[in-house]
Each structure stands twice: as structure tokens, then as C-alpha cells.
Amino acid sequence: MTGGLGERWRRRGGRTVRLALVFDDIMEFALALLSVPPDELETLGWTFADRKRLLDHFLRSGKAAQRVPRMRWGRA
């Protein structure tokens, strides 16, 4: 998220949002992010490094989500 996207985010309030997702949902979103071609990333103002940083975060979050019992998420 280079200057353009980060700047717009701050102008709009830049609030941090905390989402609680199960592992399957986290990985589905990560796979969708991987499917975005480089030219579309550039259009969004993202670099490959931005996408990698977000994917690394999803991987850490997914590992943490796997440690939470499924019953706690309301899914069995």
C-alpha cells in the first residue's frame, strides 16, 4: 500500500479494523489476493512487496486461527 492508498486511508479516518475469521476464510481471501495480476496491483497502487506483506500477515493469522477450537467460531 504505497503512498496513494495509504494517503487515502488516512484521509478517510485510517481506523484499524479487527476481523475474526476462521482459517478457511483467511486462506480463501489470501488465494483471491494471489490471483490479482501485477498490472491490476499497480492500478490499485500496490506493489508486489505490499501484497507479500499482507499474505505473510494472512499466514500468521491463519496459523493462529487454526489453534482456536471450531466450536468457538460458531461452526461445527
C-alpha atoms as a PDB file:
ATOM      1  CA  MET A   1       0.000   0.000   0.000  1.00  0.00           C
ATOM      2  CA  THR A   2       2.107   2.776  -1.321  1.00  0.00           C
ATOM      3  CA  GLY A   3       1.632   6.476  -0.758  1.00  0.00           C
ATOM      4  CA  GLY A   4      -1.577   6.781  -2.771  1.00  0.00           C
ATOM      5  CA  LEU A   5      -3.578   4.099  -0.995  1.00  0.00           C
ATOM      6  CA  GLY A   6      -2.107   4.856   2.426  1.00  0.00           C
ATOM      7  CA  GLU A   7      -2.815   8.538   1.999  1.00  0.00           C
ATOM      8  CA  ARG A   8      -6.442   7.907   1.021  1.00  0.00           C
ATOM      9  CA  TRP A   9      -6.812   5.571   4.011  1.00  0.00           C
ATOM     10  CA  ARG A  10      -5.576   8.253   6.424  1.00  0.00           C
ATOM     11  CA  ARG A  11      -7.819  10.906   4.838  1.00  0.00           C
ATOM     12  CA  ARG A  12     -10.830   8.673   5.406  1.00  0.00           C
ATOM     13  CA  GLY A  13     -10.023   8.252   9.079  1.00  0.00           C
ATOM     14  CA  GLY A  14      -7.433   5.459   8.922  1.00  0.00           C
ATOM     15  CA  ARG A  15      -9.213   3.382  11.516  1.00  0.00           C
ATOM     16  CA  THR A  16      -7.864  -0.059  12.351  1.00  0.00           C
ATOM     17  CA  VAL A  17     -10.368  -2.817  11.775  1.00  0.00           C
ATOM     18  CA  ARG A  18     -10.067  -6.133  13.587  1.00  0.00           C
ATOM     19  CA  LEU A  19     -11.723  -9.074  11.864  1.00  0.00           C
ATOM     20  CA  ALA A  20     -12.144 -12.537  13.323  1.00  0.00           C
ATOM     21  CA  LEU A  21     -12.139 -15.133  10.564  1.00  0.00           C
ATOM     22  CA  VAL A  22     -11.796 -18.887  10.536  1.00  0.00           C
ATOM     23  CA  PHE A  23      -8.796 -20.442   8.789  1.00  0.00           C
ATOM     24  CA  ASP A  24     -10.770 -21.377   5.656  1.00  0.00           C
ATOM     25  CA  ASP A  25     -11.944 -17.794   5.166  1.00  0.00           C
ATOM     26  CA  ILE A  26      -8.453 -16.388   5.719  1.00  0.00           C
ATOM     27  CA  MET A  27      -6.947 -18.740   3.151  1.00  0.00           C
ATOM     28  CA  GLU A  28      -9.748 -18.057   0.647  1.00  0.00           C
ATOM     29  CA  PHE A  29      -9.027 -14.341   0.858  1.00  0.00           C
ATOM     30  CA  ALA A  30      -5.272 -14.970   0.527  1.00  0.00           C
ATOM     31  CA  LEU A  31      -5.828 -17.074  -2.592  1.00  0.00           C
ATOM     32  CA  ALA A  32      -8.008 -14.348  -4.096  1.00  0.00           C
ATOM     33  CA  LEU A  33      -5.254 -11.824  -3.399  1.00  0.00           C
ATOM     34  CA  LEU A  34      -2.747 -14.091  -5.153  1.00  0.00           C
ATOM     35  CA  SER A  35      -4.943 -14.149  -8.250  1.00  0.00           C
ATOM     36  CA  VAL A  36      -4.659 -10.379  -8.758  1.00  0.00           C
ATOM     37  CA  PRO A  37      -2.304  -9.819 -11.709  1.00  0.00           C
ATOM     38  CA  PRO A  38       0.635  -7.385 -11.368  1.00  0.00           C
ATOM     39  CA  ASP A  39      -0.927  -4.750 -13.649  1.00  0.00           C
ATOM     40  CA  GLU A  40      -4.074  -4.638 -11.502  1.00  0.00           C
ATOM     41  CA  LEU A  41      -1.946  -4.401  -8.351  1.00  0.00           C
ATOM     42  CA  GLU A  42      -0.241  -1.391  -9.887  1.00  0.00           C
ATOM     43  CA  THR A  43      -3.618   0.166 -10.711  1.00  0.00           C
ATOM     44  CA  LEU A  44      -4.575  -0.228  -7.044  1.00  0.00           C
ATOM     45  CA  GLY A  45      -1.357   1.487  -6.019  1.00  0.00           C
ATOM     46  CA  TRP A  46       0.065  -1.708  -4.535  1.00  0.00           C
ATOM     47  CA  THR A  47       3.484  -3.229  -5.066  1.00  0.00           C
ATOM     48  CA  PHE A  48       4.481  -6.858  -5.016  1.00  0.00           C
ATOM     49  CA  ALA A  49       6.049  -6.182  -1.586  1.00  0.00           C
ATOM     50  CA  ASP A  50       2.718  -4.803  -0.299  1.00  0.00           C
ATOM     51  CA  ARG A  51       0.927  -7.959  -1.406  1.00  0.00           C
ATOM     52  CA  LYS A  52       3.630 -10.187   0.095  1.00  0.00           C
ATOM     53  CA  ARG A  53       3.411  -8.332   3.410  1.00  0.00           C
ATOM     54  CA  LEU A  54      -0.369  -8.830   3.507  1.00  0.00           C
ATOM     55  CA  LEU A  55      -0.042 -12.505   2.548  1.00  0.00           C
ATOM     56  CA  ASP A  56       2.525 -13.010   5.327  1.00  0.00           C
ATOM     57  CA  HIS A  57       0.041 -11.466   7.737  1.00  0.00           C
ATOM     58  CA  PHE A  58      -2.689 -13.823   6.491  1.00  0.00           C
ATOM     59  CA  LEU A  59      -0.385 -16.793   7.004  1.00  0.00           C
ATOM     60  CA  ARG A  60       0.346 -15.777  10.604  1.00  0.00           C
ATOM     61  CA  SER A  61      -3.363 -15.116  11.215  1.00  0.00           C
ATOM     62  CA  GLY A  62      -4.328 -18.440   9.637  1.00  0.00           C
ATOM     63  CA  LYS A  63      -1.923 -20.324  11.881  1.00  0.00           C
ATOM     64  CA  ALA A  64      -3.367 -18.531  14.923  1.00  0.00           C
ATOM     65  CA  ALA A  65      -6.933 -19.272  13.755  1.00  0.00           C
ATOM     66  CA  GLN A  66      -6.132 -22.981  13.482  1.00  0.00           C
ATOM     67  CA  ARG A  67      -5.380 -23.028  17.220  1.00  0.00           C
ATOM     68  CA  VAL A  68      -8.875 -21.757  18.075  1.00  0.00           C
ATOM     69  CA  PRO A  69     -11.474 -24.541  18.558  1.00  0.00           C
ATOM     70  CA  ARG A  70     -14.048 -24.537  15.728  1.00  0.00           C
ATOM     71  CA  MET A  71     -16.921 -24.505  18.226  1.00  0.00           C
ATOM     72  CA  ARG A  72     -15.749 -21.073  19.401  1.00  0.00           C
ATOM     73  CA  TRP A  73     -16.376 -19.694  15.886  1.00  0.00           C
ATOM     74  CA  GLY A  74     -19.942 -20.997  15.858  1.00  0.00           C
ATOM     75  CA  ARG A  75     -19.214 -23.509  13.111  1.00  0.00           C
ATOM     76  CA  ALA A  76     -19.048 -27.235  13.645  1.00  0.00           C
END
